[in-house]
Amino acid sequence: MRNIVAVDAPSNLGLRPPAPGTVPGVYKLAGALREHGVVRRLGAFEGGVVVPPRYDRGDWQEGDGVFNAAAIAAYTVRLADRIERHVRAGDFPLVLGGDCSIQLGAALALRRIGRYGLAAVDASADFRHPGNSDRVGAAGGEELALGTGRGQDDLTDIEGLRPYLRDEDVRLFGGRDAFTDDRAELAALKIPNVTVGELREWGVEDVVPGFVRSLEVPVLDGFWVHLDADVLDPTVMPAVDSPDPDGLLPDELLALLRPLLASPRCVGMNVTIYDPDLDPDGTAGALLTDLIVTAFAQS
């Protein structure tokens, strides 16, 4: 059995400020989940903390590209170094974020090693890029586009390894049915994007194993799981920056995560976007911790 290694990646560099003069509270995610016992309950080993640079957008303005780009690029390399070491050792890194830009660290690490897929469990595709939007700026809403080579060179071509992910190696789960802007582009690129409505219509237990098998093909060396807490419905997970309605319920998320984590080809997972500042009584953090622990226990 592989050792689960908990690595803290408390970066908020990829999100816009929630209010003037403030910074996003997602950097507290790891501490909150640890407070709920995630490391102890999983029997995980300690992988330490990859400390991010300071959040400072300086004089950035709309149209300047991705803010905090230099800091994100530097952090991506440091986080990739840590993840690569554990994957090569045969460990299972559980990376506790952080905003979604931390996924670039996993993507770069795995690109160094070989060819890996991505199973992204997220309310949105995070596929904003200069080719489809004039609002590029927050890498936390752009990491899939960046990871597949779309965007500015300092983030898409670190170490000359663009793209970190191939389009055909990505699977998306849990997108909101109301988010239609990206679907045509994703379909044209042959990136499966299975929405909440489709998961319910087809049955999570019936549809997900087939997608897992598509990530277990010989051409891939394995795959990574990206879990964004906003995939959950805001009635149970309001503590995210975009609590959009009609998300997955806890049992549905468990049914989705179990076959992904049970696969011997799954090499790691990151957890993102839960913001303890928006969860004063800790209820949402406790739920997220319970879901992660249960998904591993039943995988």
C-alpha atoms as a PDB file:
ATOM      1  CA  MET A   1       0.000   0.000   0.000  1.00  0.00           C
ATOM      2  CA  ARG A   2       1.362   3.426  -0.946  1.00  0.00           C
ATOM      3  CA  ASN A   3       2.164   5.954   1.729  1.00  0.00           C
ATOM      4  CA  ILE A   4      -0.067   9.025   1.679  1.00  0.00           C
ATOM      5  CA  VAL A   5       2.140  12.077   2.216  1.00  0.00           C
ATOM      6  CA  ALA A   6       0.465  15.357   3.194  1.00  0.00           C
ATOM      7  CA  VAL A   7       2.118  18.379   1.583  1.00  0.00           C
ATOM      8  CA  ASP A   8       0.856  21.873   2.400  1.00  0.00           C
ATOM      9  CA  ALA A   9       0.717  24.311  -0.525  1.00  0.00           C
ATOM     10  CA  PRO A  10      -0.875  27.397   1.087  1.00  0.00           C
ATOM     11  CA  SER A  11      -0.787  29.658  -1.963  1.00  0.00           C
ATOM     12  CA  ASN A  12      -3.496  32.212  -2.717  1.00  0.00           C
ATOM     13  CA  LEU A  13      -1.544  33.831  -5.576  1.00  0.00           C
ATOM     14  CA  GLY A  14      -4.060  32.876  -8.252  1.00  0.00           C
ATOM     15  CA  LEU A  15      -7.196  34.545  -6.864  1.00  0.00           C
ATOM     16  CA  ARG A  16      -8.480  38.096  -6.981  1.00  0.00           C
ATOM     17  CA  PRO A  17      -8.789  39.934  -3.632  1.00  0.00           C
ATOM     18  CA  PRO A  18     -12.209  39.307  -2.050  1.00  0.00           C
ATOM     19  CA  ALA A  19     -12.336  43.002  -1.105  1.00  0.00           C
ATOM     20  CA  PRO A  20      -9.973  45.968  -1.493  1.00  0.00           C
ATOM     21  CA  GLY A  21      -7.025  45.700   0.836  1.00  0.00           C
ATOM     22  CA  THR A  22      -7.611  42.015   1.649  1.00  0.00           C
ATOM     23  CA  VAL A  23      -6.193  38.722   0.397  1.00  0.00           C
ATOM     24  CA  PRO A  24      -8.002  35.434  -0.307  1.00  0.00           C
ATOM     25  CA  GLY A  25      -8.222  33.186   2.741  1.00  0.00           C
ATOM     26  CA  VAL A  26      -7.638  29.907   0.887  1.00  0.00           C
ATOM     27  CA  TYR A  27      -4.065  29.890   2.192  1.00  0.00           C
ATOM     28  CA  LYS A  28      -5.599  28.711   5.484  1.00  0.00           C
ATOM     29  CA  LEU A  29      -7.103  25.558   3.888  1.00  0.00           C
ATOM     30  CA  ALA A  30      -4.339  23.190   4.954  1.00  0.00           C
ATOM     31  CA  GLY A  31      -4.349  24.409   8.530  1.00  0.00           C
ATOM     32  CA  ALA A  32      -8.117  24.074   8.797  1.00  0.00           C
ATOM     33  CA  LEU A  33      -8.201  20.528   7.389  1.00  0.00           C
ATOM     34  CA  ARG A  34      -5.347  19.575   9.683  1.00  0.00           C
ATOM     35  CA  GLU A  35      -7.342  20.977  12.601  1.00  0.00           C
ATOM     36  CA  HIS A  36     -10.108  18.560  11.601  1.00  0.00           C
ATOM     37  CA  GLY A  37      -7.608  15.716  11.729  1.00  0.00           C
ATOM     38  CA  VAL A  38      -7.134  14.939   8.048  1.00  0.00           C
ATOM     39  CA  VAL A  39      -3.502  13.834   8.414  1.00  0.00           C
ATOM     40  CA  ARG A  40      -4.055  11.748  11.532  1.00  0.00           C
ATOM     41  CA  ARG A  41      -7.257  10.143  10.252  1.00  0.00           C
ATOM     42  CA  LEU A  42      -5.634   9.156   6.956  1.00  0.00           C
ATOM     43  CA  GLY A  43      -2.535   7.822   8.675  1.00  0.00           C
ATOM     44  CA  ALA A  44      -0.599  10.104   6.353  1.00  0.00           C
ATOM     45  CA  PHE A  45       3.072  10.956   6.600  1.00  0.00           C
ATOM     46  CA  GLU A  46       4.261  14.541   6.867  1.00  0.00           C
ATOM     47  CA  GLY A  47       5.533  16.091   3.646  1.00  0.00           C
ATOM     48  CA  GLY A  48       6.106  19.580   5.033  1.00  0.00           C
ATOM     49  CA  VAL A  49       5.060  22.979   3.728  1.00  0.00           C
ATOM     50  CA  VAL A  50       6.031  24.584   0.428  1.00  0.00           C
ATOM     51  CA  VAL A  51       5.926  28.236   1.471  1.00  0.00           C
ATOM     52  CA  PRO A  52       4.585  30.584  -1.229  1.00  0.00           C
ATOM     53  CA  PRO A  53       5.787  34.092  -2.048  1.00  0.00           C
ATOM     54  CA  ARG A  54       3.874  37.038  -0.643  1.00  0.00           C
ATOM     55  CA  TYR A  55       0.597  37.991  -2.326  1.00  0.00           C
ATOM     56  CA  ASP A  56       1.309  41.313  -4.011  1.00  0.00           C
ATOM     57  CA  ARG A  57      -0.297  42.337  -7.286  1.00  0.00           C
ATOM     58  CA  GLY A  58       1.693  45.580  -7.322  1.00  0.00           C
ATOM     59  CA  ASP A  59       0.416  47.966  -9.990  1.00  0.00           C
ATOM     60  CA  TRP A  60      -1.228  45.223 -12.067  1.00  0.00           C
ATOM     61  CA  GLN A  61      -4.179  46.333 -14.216  1.00  0.00           C
ATOM     62  CA  GLU A  62      -6.678  44.499 -16.412  1.00  0.00           C
ATOM     63  CA  GLY A  63      -4.974  43.642 -19.671  1.00  0.00           C
ATOM     64  CA  ASP A  64      -1.557  43.043 -18.098  1.00  0.00           C
ATOM     65  CA  GLY A  65      -1.870  39.262 -18.258  1.00  0.00           C
ATOM     66  CA  VAL A  66      -1.819  37.009 -15.201  1.00  0.00           C
ATOM     67  CA  PHE A  67      -1.171  38.851 -11.949  1.00  0.00           C
ATOM     68  CA  ASN A  68       1.449  37.464  -9.563  1.00  0.00           C
ATOM     69  CA  ALA A  69       2.821  35.590 -12.597  1.00  0.00           C
ATOM     70  CA  ALA A  70       6.482  35.657 -11.571  1.00  0.00           C
ATOM     71  CA  ALA A  71       5.599  34.498  -8.065  1.00  0.00           C
ATOM     72  CA  ILE A  72       3.339  31.733  -9.403  1.00  0.00           C
ATOM     73  CA  ALA A  73       6.033  30.522 -11.801  1.00  0.00           C
ATOM     74  CA  ALA A  74       8.643  30.397  -9.039  1.00  0.00           C
ATOM     75  CA  TYR A  75       6.222  28.639  -6.691  1.00  0.00           C
ATOM     76  CA  THR A  76       5.227  26.139  -9.376  1.00  0.00           C
ATOM     77  CA  VAL A  77       8.848  25.022  -9.685  1.00  0.00           C
ATOM     78  CA  ARG A  78       9.304  24.633  -5.919  1.00  0.00           C
ATOM     79  CA  LEU A  79       6.050  22.739  -5.502  1.00  0.00           C
ATOM     80  CA  ALA A  80       6.872  20.547  -8.505  1.00  0.00           C
ATOM     81  CA  ASP A  81      10.212  19.664  -6.913  1.00  0.00           C
ATOM     82  CA  ARG A  82       8.433  18.414  -3.782  1.00  0.00           C
ATOM     83  CA  ILE A  83       5.721  16.505  -5.643  1.00  0.00           C
ATOM     84  CA  GLU A  84       8.189  14.943  -8.079  1.00  0.00           C
ATOM     85  CA  ARG A  85      10.301  13.613  -5.236  1.00  0.00           C
ATOM     86  CA  HIS A  86       7.336  11.860  -3.631  1.00  0.00           C
ATOM     87  CA  VAL A  87       5.916  10.441  -6.850  1.00  0.00           C
ATOM     88  CA  ARG A  88       9.310   9.032  -7.857  1.00  0.00           C
ATOM     89  CA  ALA A  89       9.560   7.447  -4.397  1.00  0.00           C
ATOM     90  CA  GLY A  90       6.221   5.711  -4.897  1.00  0.00           C
ATOM     91  CA  ASP A  91       4.378   7.865  -2.368  1.00  0.00           C
ATOM     92  CA  PHE A  92       0.895   9.316  -2.884  1.00  0.00           C
ATOM     93  CA  PRO A  93       1.125  13.102  -2.377  1.00  0.00           C
ATOM     94  CA  LEU A  94      -2.007  14.707  -0.938  1.00  0.00           C
ATOM     95  CA  VAL A  95      -1.431  18.390  -1.601  1.00  0.00           C
ATOM     96  CA  LEU A  96      -3.473  20.685   0.623  1.00  0.00           C
ATOM     97  CA  GLY A  97      -3.883  24.075  -1.099  1.00  0.00           C
ATOM     98  CA  GLY A  98      -4.357  26.780  -1.853  1.00  0.00           C
ATOM     99  CA  ASP A  99      -6.107  28.090  -4.888  1.00  0.00           C
ATOM    100  CA  CYS A 100      -6.290  26.125  -8.132  1.00  0.00           C
ATOM    101  CA  SER A 101      -3.043  27.556  -9.506  1.00  0.00           C
ATOM    102  CA  ILE A 102      -1.220  25.019  -7.311  1.00  0.00           C
ATOM    103  CA  GLN A 103      -2.302  22.370  -9.833  1.00  0.00           C
ATOM    104  CA  LEU A 104       0.424  23.721 -12.116  1.00  0.00           C
ATOM    105  CA  GLY A 105       2.967  22.374  -9.634  1.00  0.00           C
ATOM    106  CA  ALA A 106       1.593  18.857  -9.973  1.00  0.00           C
ATOM    107  CA  ALA A 107       1.316  19.153 -13.750  1.00  0.00           C
ATOM    108  CA  LEU A 108       4.932  20.301 -14.091  1.00  0.00           C
ATOM    109  CA  ALA A 109       6.204  17.606 -11.726  1.00  0.00           C
ATOM    110  CA  LEU A 110       4.493  14.847 -13.679  1.00  0.00           C
ATOM    111  CA  ARG A 111       5.561  16.275 -17.035  1.00  0.00           C
ATOM    112  CA  ARG A 112       9.166  15.953 -15.881  1.00  0.00           C
ATOM    113  CA  ILE A 113       8.608  12.257 -15.187  1.00  0.00           C
ATOM    114  CA  GLY A 114       6.532  11.178 -18.170  1.00  0.00           C
ATOM    115  CA  ARG A 115       3.050  11.501 -19.624  1.00  0.00           C
ATOM    116  CA  TYR A 116       0.216  11.759 -17.123  1.00  0.00           C
ATOM    117  CA  GLY A 117      -3.499  12.473 -17.242  1.00  0.00           C
ATOM    118  CA  LEU A 118      -5.662  14.715 -15.105  1.00  0.00           C
ATOM    119  CA  ALA A 119      -9.056  14.060 -13.544  1.00  0.00           C
ATOM    120  CA  ALA A 120     -10.345  17.503 -12.524  1.00  0.00           C
ATOM    121  CA  VAL A 121     -13.317  17.532 -10.144  1.00  0.00           C
ATOM    122  CA  ASP A 122     -14.343  21.159 -10.324  1.00  0.00           C
ATOM    123  CA  ALA A 123     -17.416  23.349 -10.767  1.00  0.00           C
ATOM    124  CA  SER A 124     -15.765  25.087 -13.711  1.00  0.00           C
ATOM    125  CA  ALA A 125     -13.232  24.084 -16.339  1.00  0.00           C
ATOM    126  CA  ASP A 126     -10.774  26.855 -15.376  1.00  0.00           C
ATOM    127  CA  PHE A 127     -10.065  27.189 -19.094  1.00  0.00           C
ATOM    128  CA  ARG A 128      -9.970  30.966 -19.487  1.00  0.00           C
ATOM    129  CA  HIS A 129      -7.149  32.068 -21.807  1.00  0.00           C
ATOM    130  CA  PRO A 130      -6.362  34.928 -24.219  1.00  0.00           C
ATOM    131  CA  GLY A 131      -8.012  33.052 -27.057  1.00  0.00           C
ATOM    132  CA  ASN A 132     -11.444  33.041 -25.436  1.00  0.00           C
ATOM    133  CA  SER A 133     -11.476  35.913 -22.930  1.00  0.00           C
ATOM    134  CA  ASP A 134     -10.308  39.477 -22.385  1.00  0.00           C
ATOM    135  CA  ARG A 135     -10.474  38.925 -18.618  1.00  0.00           C
ATOM    136  CA  VAL A 136      -7.279  36.900 -18.198  1.00  0.00           C
ATOM    137  CA  GLY A 137      -5.652  37.670 -14.877  1.00  0.00           C
ATOM    138  CA  ALA A 138      -6.424  35.180 -12.106  1.00  0.00           C
ATOM    139  CA  ALA A 139      -4.464  31.955 -12.627  1.00  0.00           C
ATOM    140  CA  GLY A 140      -6.800  30.151 -10.241  1.00  0.00           C
ATOM    141  CA  GLY A 141      -9.446  30.295 -12.967  1.00  0.00           C
ATOM    142  CA  GLU A 142      -7.003  29.541 -15.763  1.00  0.00           C
ATOM    143  CA  GLU A 143      -4.844  26.663 -14.592  1.00  0.00           C
ATOM    144  CA  LEU A 144      -6.206  24.076 -17.026  1.00  0.00           C
ATOM    145  CA  ALA A 145      -5.653  26.421 -19.962  1.00  0.00           C
ATOM    146  CA  LEU A 146      -2.146  27.183 -18.709  1.00  0.00           C
ATOM    147  CA  GLY A 147      -1.407  23.530 -18.067  1.00  0.00           C
ATOM    148  CA  THR A 148      -2.380  22.608 -21.626  1.00  0.00           C
ATOM    149  CA  GLY A 149      -0.158  25.332 -23.058  1.00  0.00           C
ATOM    150  CA  ARG A 150      -2.568  28.236 -23.545  1.00  0.00           C
ATOM    151  CA  GLY A 151      -1.380  31.576 -22.204  1.00  0.00           C
ATOM    152  CA  GLN A 152       1.768  33.492 -21.477  1.00  0.00           C
ATOM    153  CA  ASP A 153       5.104  31.726 -21.842  1.00  0.00           C
ATOM    154  CA  ASP A 154       6.379  32.338 -18.324  1.00  0.00           C
ATOM    155  CA  LEU A 155       3.579  30.116 -16.982  1.00  0.00           C
ATOM    156  CA  THR A 156       2.920  27.709 -19.859  1.00  0.00           C
ATOM    157  CA  ASP A 157       6.507  26.855 -20.809  1.00  0.00           C
ATOM    158  CA  ILE A 158       8.406  26.525 -17.542  1.00  0.00           C
ATOM    159  CA  GLU A 159      11.612  24.547 -18.148  1.00  0.00           C
ATOM    160  CA  GLY A 160      10.653  24.339 -21.836  1.00  0.00           C
ATOM    161  CA  LEU A 161       8.100  21.622 -21.072  1.00  0.00           C
ATOM    162  CA  ARG A 162       4.947  23.053 -22.679  1.00  0.00           C
ATOM    163  CA  PRO A 163       2.383  21.588 -22.549  1.00  0.00           C
ATOM    164  CA  TYR A 164       2.443  19.925 -19.144  1.00  0.00           C
ATOM    165  CA  LEU A 165      -0.825  18.182 -20.050  1.00  0.00           C
ATOM    166  CA  ARG A 166      -2.141  17.038 -23.413  1.00  0.00           C
ATOM    167  CA  ASP A 167      -5.748  17.906 -24.185  1.00  0.00           C
ATOM    168  CA  GLU A 168      -6.641  14.265 -24.800  1.00  0.00           C
ATOM    169  CA  ASP A 169      -5.342  13.274 -21.355  1.00  0.00           C
ATOM    170  CA  VAL A 170      -7.749  15.501 -19.395  1.00  0.00           C
ATOM    171  CA  ARG A 171     -11.140  14.515 -17.939  1.00  0.00           C
ATOM    172  CA  LEU A 172     -13.458  17.059 -16.262  1.00  0.00           C
ATOM    173  CA  PHE A 173     -16.158  16.138 -13.746  1.00  0.00           C
ATOM    174  CA  GLY A 174     -18.820  18.127 -11.894  1.00  0.00           C
ATOM    175  CA  GLY A 175     -19.105  21.272 -14.001  1.00  0.00           C
ATOM    176  CA  ARG A 176     -22.269  23.280 -13.522  1.00  0.00           C
ATOM    177  CA  ASP A 177     -24.822  22.722 -16.263  1.00  0.00           C
ATOM    178  CA  ALA A 178     -25.380  26.485 -16.425  1.00  0.00           C
ATOM    179  CA  PHE A 179     -21.738  27.087 -17.411  1.00  0.00           C
ATOM    180  CA  THR A 180     -22.072  26.727 -21.164  1.00  0.00           C
ATOM    181  CA  ASP A 181     -19.355  29.114 -22.384  1.00  0.00           C
ATOM    182  CA  ASP A 182     -16.502  26.590 -22.355  1.00  0.00           C
ATOM    183  CA  ARG A 183     -18.393  23.500 -23.476  1.00  0.00           C
ATOM    184  CA  ALA A 184     -18.183  24.028 -27.227  1.00  0.00           C
ATOM    185  CA  GLU A 185     -14.457  24.722 -27.065  1.00  0.00           C
ATOM    186  CA  LEU A 186     -13.813  21.723 -24.820  1.00  0.00           C
ATOM    187  CA  ALA A 187     -15.876  19.488 -27.093  1.00  0.00           C
ATOM    188  CA  ALA A 188     -13.942  20.666 -30.146  1.00  0.00           C
ATOM    189  CA  LEU A 189     -10.733  19.784 -28.336  1.00  0.00           C
ATOM    190  CA  LYS A 190     -12.169  16.388 -27.343  1.00  0.00           C
ATOM    191  CA  ILE A 191     -11.816  17.134 -23.631  1.00  0.00           C
ATOM    192  CA  PRO A 192     -14.686  15.330 -21.856  1.00  0.00           C
ATOM    193  CA  ASN A 193     -16.615  17.636 -19.530  1.00  0.00           C
ATOM    194  CA  VAL A 194     -19.228  15.679 -17.588  1.00  0.00           C
ATOM    195  CA  THR A 195     -21.612  18.056 -15.834  1.00  0.00           C
ATOM    196  CA  VAL A 196     -23.526  17.584 -12.607  1.00  0.00           C
ATOM    197  CA  GLY A 197     -26.729  16.981 -14.570  1.00  0.00           C
ATOM    198  CA  GLU A 198     -25.080  14.375 -16.770  1.00  0.00           C
ATOM    199  CA  LEU A 199     -23.593  12.575 -13.782  1.00  0.00           C
ATOM    200  CA  ARG A 200     -27.053  12.377 -12.258  1.00  0.00           C
ATOM    201  CA  GLU A 201     -28.732  11.333 -15.489  1.00  0.00           C
ATOM    202  CA  TRP A 202     -26.212   8.612 -16.306  1.00  0.00           C
ATOM    203  CA  GLY A 203     -25.431   7.603 -12.719  1.00  0.00           C
ATOM    204  CA  VAL A 204     -22.117   8.454 -11.088  1.00  0.00           C
ATOM    205  CA  GLU A 205     -21.376   4.814 -10.270  1.00  0.00           C
ATOM    206  CA  ASP A 206     -22.009   3.817 -13.884  1.00  0.00           C
ATOM    207  CA  VAL A 207     -20.173   6.562 -15.760  1.00  0.00           C
ATOM    208  CA  VAL A 208     -17.038   7.271 -13.718  1.00  0.00           C
ATOM    209  CA  PRO A 209     -15.389   3.814 -13.895  1.00  0.00           C
ATOM    210  CA  GLY A 210     -15.324   4.064 -17.683  1.00  0.00           C
ATOM    211  CA  PHE A 211     -13.516   7.373 -17.514  1.00  0.00           C
ATOM    212  CA  VAL A 212     -11.077   5.915 -14.987  1.00  0.00           C
ATOM    213  CA  ARG A 213     -10.285   3.100 -17.415  1.00  0.00           C
ATOM    214  CA  SER A 214      -9.639   5.709 -20.099  1.00  0.00           C
ATOM    215  CA  LEU A 215      -6.931   7.141 -17.823  1.00  0.00           C
ATOM    216  CA  GLU A 216      -5.396   3.721 -17.196  1.00  0.00           C
ATOM    217  CA  VAL A 217      -4.338   3.189 -20.811  1.00  0.00           C
ATOM    218  CA  PRO A 218      -0.725   2.114 -21.510  1.00  0.00           C
ATOM    219  CA  VAL A 219       0.194   5.420 -23.171  1.00  0.00           C
ATOM    220  CA  LEU A 220      -0.213   7.171 -19.796  1.00  0.00           C
ATOM    221  CA  ASP A 221       2.108   6.667 -16.852  1.00  0.00           C
ATOM    222  CA  GLY A 222      -0.726   7.487 -14.460  1.00  0.00           C
ATOM    223  CA  PHE A 223      -3.037  10.365 -13.559  1.00  0.00           C
ATOM    224  CA  TRP A 224      -3.550  13.066 -10.953  1.00  0.00           C
ATOM    225  CA  VAL A 225      -6.791  14.149  -9.254  1.00  0.00           C
ATOM    226  CA  HIS A 226      -7.582  17.832  -8.817  1.00  0.00           C
ATOM    227  CA  LEU A 227     -10.377  18.475  -6.291  1.00  0.00           C
ATOM    228  CA  ASP A 228     -11.883  21.957  -6.063  1.00  0.00           C
ATOM    229  CA  ALA A 229     -14.256  22.293  -3.106  1.00  0.00           C
ATOM    230  CA  ASP A 230     -16.602  24.457  -5.179  1.00  0.00           C
ATOM    231  CA  VAL A 231     -17.759  21.316  -6.999  1.00  0.00           C
ATOM    232  CA  LEU A 232     -20.020  20.832  -3.967  1.00  0.00           C
ATOM    233  CA  ASP A 233     -23.368  22.581  -3.757  1.00  0.00           C
ATOM    234  CA  PRO A 234     -23.233  25.796  -1.705  1.00  0.00           C
ATOM    235  CA  THR A 235     -25.908  24.429   0.643  1.00  0.00           C
ATOM    236  CA  VAL A 236     -23.146  22.211   2.031  1.00  0.00           C
ATOM    237  CA  MET A 237     -20.018  24.105   0.898  1.00  0.00           C
ATOM    238  CA  PRO A 238     -20.600  27.867   0.991  1.00  0.00           C
ATOM    239  CA  ALA A 239     -16.980  28.641   1.924  1.00  0.00           C
ATOM    240  CA  VAL A 240     -15.610  29.116  -1.586  1.00  0.00           C
ATOM    241  CA  ASP A 241     -14.996  32.203  -3.693  1.00  0.00           C
ATOM    242  CA  SER A 242     -17.744  31.306  -6.221  1.00  0.00           C
ATOM    243  CA  PRO A 243     -20.555  29.414  -4.446  1.00  0.00           C
ATOM    244  CA  ASP A 244     -22.642  28.687  -7.544  1.00  0.00           C
ATOM    245  CA  PRO A 245     -25.884  26.686  -7.162  1.00  0.00           C
ATOM    246  CA  ASP A 246     -26.679  23.191  -8.425  1.00  0.00           C
ATOM    247  CA  GLY A 247     -23.474  21.453  -7.430  1.00  0.00           C
ATOM    248  CA  LEU A 248     -22.783  17.924  -6.286  1.00  0.00           C
ATOM    249  CA  LEU A 249     -24.031  16.646  -2.956  1.00  0.00           C
ATOM    250  CA  PRO A 250     -21.641  14.864  -0.580  1.00  0.00           C
ATOM    251  CA  ASP A 251     -22.686  11.308  -1.478  1.00  0.00           C
ATOM    252  CA  GLU A 252     -22.319  12.132  -5.170  1.00  0.00           C
ATOM    253  CA  LEU A 253     -18.823  13.480  -4.666  1.00  0.00           C
ATOM    254  CA  LEU A 254     -17.865  10.367  -2.721  1.00  0.00           C
ATOM    255  CA  ALA A 255     -19.150   8.146  -5.512  1.00  0.00           C
ATOM    256  CA  LEU A 256     -17.032  10.150  -7.946  1.00  0.00           C
ATOM    257  CA  LEU A 257     -13.820  10.190  -5.898  1.00  0.00           C
ATOM    258  CA  ARG A 258     -13.779   6.534  -4.831  1.00  0.00           C
ATOM    259  CA  PRO A 259     -13.048   4.931  -8.217  1.00  0.00           C
ATOM    260  CA  LEU A 260     -10.507   7.640  -9.038  1.00  0.00           C
ATOM    261  CA  LEU A 261      -8.555   7.141  -5.811  1.00  0.00           C
ATOM    262  CA  ALA A 262      -8.937   3.356  -5.979  1.00  0.00           C
ATOM    263  CA  SER A 263      -7.090   3.168  -9.275  1.00  0.00           C
ATOM    264  CA  PRO A 264      -3.492   1.962  -8.901  1.00  0.00           C
ATOM    265  CA  ARG A 265      -2.632   4.450 -11.660  1.00  0.00           C
ATOM    266  CA  CYS A 266      -3.738   7.444  -9.567  1.00  0.00           C
ATOM    267  CA  VAL A 267      -0.511   9.013  -8.291  1.00  0.00           C
ATOM    268  CA  GLY A 268      -1.725  11.944  -6.185  1.00  0.00           C
ATOM    269  CA  MET A 269      -4.375  14.546  -5.451  1.00  0.00           C
ATOM    270  CA  ASN A 270      -4.629  18.209  -4.558  1.00  0.00           C
ATOM    271  CA  VAL A 271      -7.431  19.938  -2.651  1.00  0.00           C
ATOM    272  CA  THR A 272      -8.223  23.587  -3.348  1.00  0.00           C
ATOM    273  CA  ILE A 273     -10.452  26.657  -2.879  1.00  0.00           C
ATOM    274  CA  TYR A 274     -12.047  25.983   0.523  1.00  0.00           C
ATOM    275  CA  ASP A 275     -11.698  29.289   2.412  1.00  0.00           C
ATOM    276  CA  PRO A 276     -11.826  29.065   6.225  1.00  0.00           C
ATOM    277  CA  ASP A 277     -12.478  32.816   6.423  1.00  0.00           C
ATOM    278  CA  LEU A 278     -15.920  32.067   4.964  1.00  0.00           C
ATOM    279  CA  ASP A 279     -16.563  29.210   7.394  1.00  0.00           C
ATOM    280  CA  PRO A 280     -16.508  30.726  10.896  1.00  0.00           C
ATOM    281  CA  ASP A 281     -17.951  27.671  12.641  1.00  0.00           C
ATOM    282  CA  GLY A 282     -15.827  25.190  10.690  1.00  0.00           C
ATOM    283  CA  THR A 283     -18.799  23.158   9.461  1.00  0.00           C
ATOM    284  CA  ALA A 284     -17.815  23.171   5.803  1.00  0.00           C
ATOM    285  CA  GLY A 285     -14.201  22.328   6.609  1.00  0.00           C
ATOM    286  CA  ALA A 286     -15.305  19.397   8.750  1.00  0.00           C
ATOM    287  CA  LEU A 287     -17.461  18.111   5.893  1.00  0.00           C
ATOM    288  CA  LEU A 288     -14.659  18.423   3.357  1.00  0.00           C
ATOM    289  CA  THR A 289     -12.276  16.577   5.683  1.00  0.00           C
ATOM    290  CA  ASP A 290     -14.830  13.806   6.259  1.00  0.00           C
ATOM    291  CA  LEU A 291     -15.330  13.408   2.511  1.00  0.00           C
ATOM    292  CA  ILE A 292     -11.604  13.141   1.802  1.00  0.00           C
ATOM    293  CA  VAL A 293     -11.016  10.633   4.606  1.00  0.00           C
ATOM    294  CA  THR A 294     -14.030   8.526   3.600  1.00  0.00           C
ATOM    295  CA  ALA A 295     -13.091   8.565  -0.085  1.00  0.00           C
ATOM    296  CA  PHE A 296      -9.650   7.160   0.718  1.00  0.00           C
ATOM    297  CA  ALA A 297     -11.035   4.641   3.220  1.00  0.00           C
ATOM    298  CA  GLN A 298     -13.495   3.235   0.687  1.00  0.00           C
ATOM    299  CA  SER A 299     -11.271   3.486  -2.372  1.00  0.00           C
END
